[in-house]
């Protein structure tokens, strides 16, 4: 597994170890509650020749390593990891003779400018005016499919907005919920968004490795969710005041052009064009193919919010007030 210490990686490692699998984890750092139960490798994922021996004897390779490029300063790294890395991993998997490669891509790989509800038949995000993250994820998929033409068995999964436990970063979505749970998010962004539990993504990737059809994409969606509702729920569970006001995501587009250069100088990407576009991805996604062919079944969004808050409490990143709904539920 590449990217084993990332958000999805930690959860996928946990699910695979729980199922009794031996895992070879590829990453530059070792992180997660199951880190001591797997074999670690720091092989360069841009070097197919170096990776092939590591993949030798593996049944399934899960390719998770990626750069989430939201600002211009990240574009070069995104093309290297998301495109060149995908090509190298797919080539190494084919040379090593693994049974299957499962690539974790993104909903962003499908062109968001198309109308209607997106499914796996939507054109990819190849237009030059789209953000770098969208384009690099689409190009990475094409690199994998090129290896499929050369004999590789590979399946591509496209998650929507991933959040939930376990997260030792935290991720951008989880960090916003953490800020709300601390009462430090007075303003929210009004937008419907498809949000999916990271644990369900891990199970979906495993199911793709077992039941997916080679050369096919599978949208791993969750549920269409009012983002302000999610932020407010996180705050209320910890006895904090929810966002006092909200504004439509479209307002961000008007200020991004002015604030993005400032963010680049400060090394911050919250108001980058890429971050804005991430919130503007289609809120309703057709995930019926994964449900039908993989047996994929995402859990309710509110359950994930509660579990995430418990995770933040258990990892000492959050201290709820004494009288709150979550404390009563858990008898804290």
Protein backbone atom coordinates (compact mmCIF):
# COMPACT_ATOMS: atom_id res chain seq x y z
CA UNK A 1 0.00 0.00 0.00
CA UNK A 2 1.36 3.40 -0.95
CA UNK A 3 0.45 6.38 1.23
CA UNK A 4 -0.12 4.07 4.20
CA UNK A 5 0.32 6.82 6.80
CA UNK A 6 -2.19 9.15 5.18
CA UNK A 7 -5.79 9.67 6.24
CA UNK A 8 -7.24 6.91 4.08
CA UNK A 9 -4.13 4.78 4.49
CA UNK A 10 -4.33 4.55 8.29
CA UNK A 11 -7.93 3.38 8.05
CA UNK A 12 -7.24 0.95 5.22
CA UNK A 13 -4.30 -0.56 7.11
CA UNK A 14 -6.56 -1.04 10.14
CA UNK A 15 -9.28 -2.75 8.06
CA UNK A 16 -6.80 -5.05 6.29
CA UNK A 17 -5.01 -6.03 9.50
CA UNK A 18 -8.35 -6.71 11.19
CA UNK A 19 -9.23 -9.02 8.30
CA UNK A 20 -6.01 -10.98 8.83
CA UNK A 21 -3.98 -9.72 5.87
CA UNK A 22 -0.22 -9.14 5.82
CA UNK A 23 0.44 -5.55 4.79
CA UNK A 24 3.54 -3.94 3.30
CA UNK A 25 3.15 -0.21 3.94
CA UNK A 26 4.98 2.32 1.76
CA UNK A 27 5.38 5.82 3.17
CA UNK A 28 8.04 8.26 4.39
CA UNK A 29 6.64 8.26 7.95
CA UNK A 30 5.08 5.58 10.13
CA UNK A 31 1.78 6.55 11.67
CA UNK A 32 -1.40 4.98 12.97
CA UNK A 33 -2.47 2.58 15.72
CA UNK A 34 -1.49 -0.45 13.60
CA UNK A 35 1.94 0.85 12.57
CA UNK A 36 3.78 -1.84 14.53
CA UNK A 37 1.82 -4.69 12.95
CA UNK A 38 2.85 -4.10 9.32
CA UNK A 39 6.08 -4.17 7.29
CA UNK A 40 7.31 -0.70 6.27
CA UNK A 41 9.18 0.39 3.15
CA UNK A 42 10.37 3.87 2.13
CA UNK A 43 10.80 3.04 -1.55
CA UNK A 44 10.45 5.95 -4.01
CA UNK A 45 6.99 5.70 -5.61
CA UNK A 46 8.29 7.59 -8.67
CA UNK A 47 10.73 4.74 -9.39
CA UNK A 48 8.98 1.76 -10.99
CA UNK A 49 12.14 -0.35 -11.05
CA UNK A 50 12.62 0.12 -7.30
CA UNK A 51 9.01 -0.64 -6.49
CA UNK A 52 8.61 -3.84 -8.50
CA UNK A 53 10.66 -5.96 -6.04
CA UNK A 54 8.62 -4.57 -3.13
CA UNK A 55 5.42 -5.58 -4.91
CA UNK A 56 6.75 -9.06 -5.68
CA UNK A 57 4.49 -11.65 -4.07
CA UNK A 58 1.72 -9.16 -3.28
CA UNK A 59 -1.82 -10.11 -4.17
CA UNK A 60 -3.27 -6.60 -4.26
CA UNK A 61 -1.55 -3.20 -4.45
CA UNK A 62 -3.53 -0.26 -3.07
CA UNK A 63 -2.23 3.02 -4.48
CA UNK A 64 -3.23 5.86 -2.16
CA UNK A 65 -0.27 8.26 -2.25
CA UNK A 66 -1.30 11.65 -3.61
CA UNK A 67 -0.75 15.38 -3.28
CA UNK A 68 -3.93 17.37 -2.67
CA UNK A 69 -2.89 20.44 -4.62
CA UNK A 70 -5.16 23.36 -3.77
CA UNK A 71 -2.73 26.23 -4.42
CA UNK A 72 -0.38 27.01 -7.28
CA UNK A 73 2.73 26.37 -5.17
CA UNK A 74 1.70 22.68 -4.94
CA UNK A 75 1.16 22.09 -8.66
CA UNK A 76 4.61 20.75 -9.48
CA UNK A 77 4.47 18.23 -6.64
CA UNK A 78 0.95 17.23 -7.69
CA UNK A 79 1.99 16.42 -11.24
CA UNK A 80 4.98 14.44 -9.96
CA UNK A 81 3.09 12.32 -7.43
CA UNK A 82 -0.42 12.15 -8.90
CA UNK A 83 0.63 11.53 -12.51
CA UNK A 84 4.21 10.26 -12.65
CA UNK A 85 3.67 8.33 -9.41
CA UNK A 86 0.52 6.67 -10.74
CA UNK A 87 2.38 5.64 -13.88
CA UNK A 88 5.31 4.19 -11.91
CA UNK A 89 3.11 2.31 -9.43
CA UNK A 90 0.97 0.83 -12.20
CA UNK A 91 4.03 -0.22 -14.20
CA UNK A 92 5.66 -1.79 -11.14
CA UNK A 93 2.47 -3.68 -10.29
CA UNK A 94 2.29 -5.08 -13.83
CA UNK A 95 5.96 -6.10 -13.84
CA UNK A 96 5.59 -7.75 -10.41
CA UNK A 97 2.57 -9.70 -11.60
CA UNK A 98 0.20 -8.67 -8.81
CA UNK A 99 -3.36 -9.93 -9.09
CA UNK A 100 -4.86 -6.45 -8.95
CA UNK A 101 -4.07 -2.76 -8.49
CA UNK A 102 -6.67 -0.59 -6.75
CA UNK A 103 -6.11 3.12 -7.31
CA UNK A 104 -7.73 5.61 -4.95
CA UNK A 105 -8.57 8.64 -7.11
CA UNK A 106 -11.21 11.33 -6.48
CA UNK A 107 -14.56 12.67 -7.62
CA UNK A 108 -12.49 15.66 -8.81
CA UNK A 109 -11.15 13.48 -11.63
CA UNK A 110 -14.54 13.87 -13.32
CA UNK A 111 -15.23 17.23 -14.97
CA UNK A 112 -17.38 19.24 -12.50
CA UNK A 113 -18.58 21.62 -15.21
CA UNK A 114 -20.84 19.01 -16.77
CA UNK A 115 -24.52 19.23 -15.88
CA UNK A 116 -26.59 16.64 -14.08
CA UNK A 117 -25.69 14.02 -11.52
CA UNK A 118 -22.19 12.63 -12.10
CA UNK A 119 -21.56 8.95 -12.57
CA UNK A 120 -18.62 6.94 -13.91
CA UNK A 121 -19.43 7.86 -17.54
CA UNK A 122 -18.70 11.56 -17.04
CA UNK A 123 -15.72 13.02 -18.99
CA UNK A 124 -12.51 13.42 -17.01
CA UNK A 125 -11.13 16.72 -15.75
CA UNK A 126 -8.60 17.35 -18.52
CA UNK A 127 -9.38 20.96 -19.46
CA UNK A 128 -6.42 23.30 -18.72
CA UNK A 129 -8.63 25.84 -16.94
CA UNK A 130 -9.54 23.35 -14.20
CA UNK A 131 -7.55 23.28 -10.93
CA UNK A 132 -4.33 21.26 -10.90
CA UNK A 133 -5.70 18.69 -8.45
CA UNK A 134 -8.60 17.86 -10.77
CA UNK A 135 -6.33 17.54 -13.79
CA UNK A 136 -3.62 15.51 -12.09
CA UNK A 137 -6.08 12.99 -10.68
CA UNK A 138 -7.64 12.58 -14.14
CA UNK A 139 -4.25 12.21 -15.80
CA UNK A 140 -3.19 9.71 -13.15
CA UNK A 141 -6.19 7.56 -14.01
CA UNK A 142 -5.22 7.60 -17.68
CA UNK A 143 -1.73 6.40 -16.76
CA UNK A 144 -3.22 3.44 -14.88
CA UNK A 145 -5.57 2.63 -17.75
CA UNK A 146 -2.61 2.68 -20.14
CA UNK A 147 -1.07 -0.12 -18.06
CA UNK A 148 -4.39 -1.97 -18.16
CA UNK A 149 -4.00 -2.00 -21.94
CA UNK A 150 -0.61 -3.65 -21.38
CA UNK A 151 -2.11 -6.43 -19.26
CA UNK A 152 -2.46 -4.98 -15.75
CA UNK A 153 -5.64 -5.80 -13.80
CA UNK A 154 -6.62 -2.50 -12.17
CA UNK A 155 -9.70 -0.85 -10.66
CA UNK A 156 -10.10 2.88 -9.94
CA UNK A 157 -12.16 4.20 -7.02
CA UNK A 158 -13.37 7.80 -6.80
CA UNK A 159 -14.34 8.93 -3.28
CA UNK A 160 -16.26 12.14 -2.66
CA UNK A 161 -15.59 14.36 0.41
CA UNK A 162 -13.83 12.12 2.94
CA UNK A 163 -14.07 12.74 6.68
CA UNK A 164 -14.36 10.85 9.96
CA UNK A 165 -12.11 8.84 12.26
CA UNK A 166 -9.35 7.81 12.52
CA UNK A 167 -7.40 10.91 11.57
CA UNK A 168 -4.02 11.97 12.91
CA UNK A 169 -3.59 15.02 10.65
CA UNK A 170 -6.29 16.18 10.71
CA UNK A 171 -7.59 16.43 7.14
CA UNK A 172 -9.08 19.69 5.89
CA UNK A 173 -12.71 18.64 6.35
CA UNK A 174 -12.02 17.12 9.76
CA UNK A 175 -10.10 20.22 10.81
CA UNK A 176 -13.12 22.39 10.04
CA UNK A 177 -15.30 20.14 12.20
CA UNK A 178 -12.69 20.26 14.96
CA UNK A 179 -12.73 24.07 14.87
CA UNK A 180 -16.54 24.04 15.06
CA UNK A 181 -16.45 21.58 17.98
CA UNK A 182 -14.08 23.95 19.80
CA UNK A 183 -16.46 26.86 19.18
CA UNK A 184 -13.91 28.61 17.01
CA UNK A 185 -15.84 28.75 13.74
CA UNK A 186 -18.28 31.67 13.93
CA UNK A 187 -18.94 31.67 10.17
CA UNK A 188 -19.80 28.68 7.99
CA UNK A 189 -19.93 28.06 4.25
CA UNK A 190 -23.44 27.36 2.98
CA UNK A 191 -23.11 24.50 0.53
CA UNK A 192 -24.50 21.03 -0.02
CA UNK A 193 -21.68 18.53 -0.22
CA UNK A 194 -21.38 14.76 -0.63
CA UNK A 195 -19.53 13.56 2.48
CA UNK A 196 -18.40 10.00 3.11
CA UNK A 197 -16.90 8.20 6.10
CA UNK A 198 -13.23 7.29 5.64
CA UNK A 199 -13.92 3.85 7.14
CA UNK A 200 -16.45 3.21 4.39
CA UNK A 201 -13.87 4.26 1.80
CA UNK A 202 -11.46 1.69 3.25
CA UNK A 203 -14.12 -1.03 2.98
CA UNK A 204 -15.00 0.13 -0.54
CA UNK A 205 -11.36 -0.13 -1.64
CA UNK A 206 -11.14 -3.65 -0.25
CA UNK A 207 -14.37 -4.59 -2.01
CA UNK A 208 -12.98 -3.16 -5.25
CA UNK A 209 -9.94 -5.38 -4.85
CA UNK A 210 -12.19 -8.41 -4.54
CA UNK A 211 -15.20 -7.71 -6.74
CA UNK A 212 -14.47 -4.78 -9.06
CA UNK A 213 -14.12 -5.16 -12.82
CA UNK A 214 -10.73 -4.41 -14.32
CA UNK A 215 -10.50 -1.08 -16.10
CA UNK A 216 -13.62 0.28 -14.38
CA UNK A 217 -14.19 3.31 -12.15
CA UNK A 218 -16.35 3.17 -9.03
CA UNK A 219 -17.70 6.31 -7.37
CA UNK A 220 -17.55 5.83 -3.60
CA UNK A 221 -20.11 8.39 -2.48
CA UNK A 222 -21.67 9.09 0.89
CA UNK A 223 -24.71 11.28 1.42
CA UNK A 224 -25.62 14.77 0.27
CA UNK A 225 -25.18 16.93 3.35
CA UNK A 226 -25.79 20.54 4.35
CA UNK A 227 -22.28 21.56 5.40
CA UNK A 228 -23.55 24.10 7.93
CA UNK A 229 -25.62 21.32 9.54
CA UNK A 230 -22.48 19.19 9.95
CA UNK A 231 -20.53 22.07 11.50
CA UNK A 232 -23.43 22.93 13.80
CA UNK A 233 -23.80 19.30 14.92
CA UNK A 234 -20.10 19.09 15.77
CA UNK A 235 -20.42 22.26 17.88
CA UNK A 236 -23.59 21.18 19.68
CA UNK A 237 -22.14 17.76 20.55
CA UNK A 238 -19.46 19.56 22.54
CA UNK A 239 -21.71 22.18 24.08
CA UNK A 240 -20.33 24.92 21.86
CA UNK A 241 -22.10 27.62 19.92
CA UNK A 242 -22.61 26.68 16.24
CA UNK A 243 -21.64 29.12 13.46
CA UNK A 244 -23.57 32.35 13.96
CA UNK A 245 -23.91 33.02 10.27
CA UNK A 246 -23.15 31.45 6.91
CA UNK A 247 -22.61 32.59 3.36
CA UNK A 248 -22.98 30.77 0.04
CA UNK A 249 -19.91 29.09 -1.39
CA UNK A 250 -20.25 31.25 -4.50
CA UNK A 251 -19.14 34.27 -2.48
CA UNK A 252 -15.72 32.63 -2.07
CA UNK A 253 -15.13 32.72 -5.80
CA UNK A 254 -15.24 36.50 -5.77
CA UNK A 255 -12.59 36.89 -3.07
CA UNK A 256 -10.31 34.03 -4.07
CA UNK A 257 -8.58 36.02 -6.83
CA UNK A 258 -7.61 38.67 -4.33
CA UNK A 259 -6.68 36.47 -1.36
CA UNK A 260 -5.03 33.50 -3.07
CA UNK A 261 -1.70 35.32 -3.72
CA UNK A 262 -1.63 36.35 -0.05
CA UNK A 263 -2.27 32.76 0.97
CA UNK A 264 0.59 31.59 -1.23
CA UNK A 265 2.96 33.97 0.54
CA UNK A 266 1.79 32.71 3.94
CA UNK A 267 1.83 29.06 2.91
CA UNK A 268 -1.95 28.75 3.45
CA UNK A 269 -4.42 27.27 0.96
CA UNK A 270 -7.82 27.70 2.66
CA UNK A 271 -8.83 30.49 0.26
CA UNK A 272 -7.13 29.12 -2.82
CA UNK A 273 -9.05 28.47 -6.01
CA UNK A 274 -8.55 24.74 -5.51
CA UNK A 275 -10.12 24.85 -2.04
CA UNK A 276 -13.10 26.78 -3.37
CA UNK A 277 -13.57 24.37 -6.26
CA UNK A 278 -13.46 21.43 -3.84
CA UNK A 279 -16.53 22.84 -2.09
CA UNK A 280 -18.24 23.33 -5.44
CA UNK A 281 -18.05 19.70 -6.54
CA UNK A 282 -21.47 18.21 -7.41
CA UNK A 283 -23.44 17.69 -4.17
CA UNK A 284 -25.48 14.78 -5.54
CA UNK A 285 -23.45 11.84 -6.84
CA UNK A 286 -24.64 8.58 -8.37
CA UNK A 287 -22.89 5.88 -6.38
CA UNK A 288 -25.24 3.09 -7.48
CA UNK A 289 -22.57 1.23 -9.47
CA UNK A 290 -20.42 0.68 -6.37
CA UNK A 291 -23.45 -0.28 -4.32
CA UNK A 292 -24.59 -2.74 -6.96
CA UNK A 293 -21.27 -4.34 -7.94
CA UNK A 294 -19.19 -3.99 -4.77
CA UNK A 295 -21.84 -4.22 -2.06
CA UNK A 296 -20.76 -0.77 -0.91
CA UNK A 297 -23.00 0.78 1.79
CA UNK A 298 -21.98 4.10 3.41
CA UNK A 299 -23.17 4.82 6.95
CA UNK A 300 -25.25 7.92 7.95
CA UNK A 301 -23.38 11.22 8.02
CA UNK A 302 -24.50 12.18 11.54
CA UNK A 303 -23.09 8.91 12.89
CA UNK A 304 -19.71 9.79 11.40
CA UNK A 305 -19.77 13.26 12.98
CA UNK A 306 -20.40 11.74 16.42
CA UNK A 307 -17.67 9.13 15.96
CA UNK A 308 -15.22 11.81 14.80
CA UNK A 309 -15.88 13.93 17.88
CA UNK A 310 -15.33 10.87 20.09
CA UNK A 311 -12.04 10.24 18.25
CA UNK A 312 -10.87 13.81 18.86
CA UNK A 313 -11.75 13.47 22.55
CA UNK A 314 -10.02 10.11 22.87
CA UNK A 315 -6.86 11.48 21.23
CA UNK A 316 -6.82 14.53 23.55
CA UNK A 317 -7.42 17.07 20.82
CA UNK A 318 -10.82 18.12 22.12
CA UNK A 319 -12.26 18.77 25.58
CA UNK A 320 -16.06 19.06 25.53
CA UNK A 321 -17.91 21.13 28.09
CA UNK A 322 -19.38 19.16 30.99
CA UNK A 323 -23.01 19.43 29.93
CA UNK A 324 -23.46 18.41 26.33
CA UNK A 325 -25.17 15.75 24.27
CA UNK A 326 -22.02 13.77 23.54
CA UNK A 327 -20.98 13.63 27.19
CA UNK A 328 -24.42 12.36 28.14
CA UNK A 329 -24.30 9.69 25.44
CA UNK A 330 -20.86 8.47 26.50
CA UNK A 331 -21.27 9.10 30.26
CA UNK A 332 -18.09 11.17 30.31
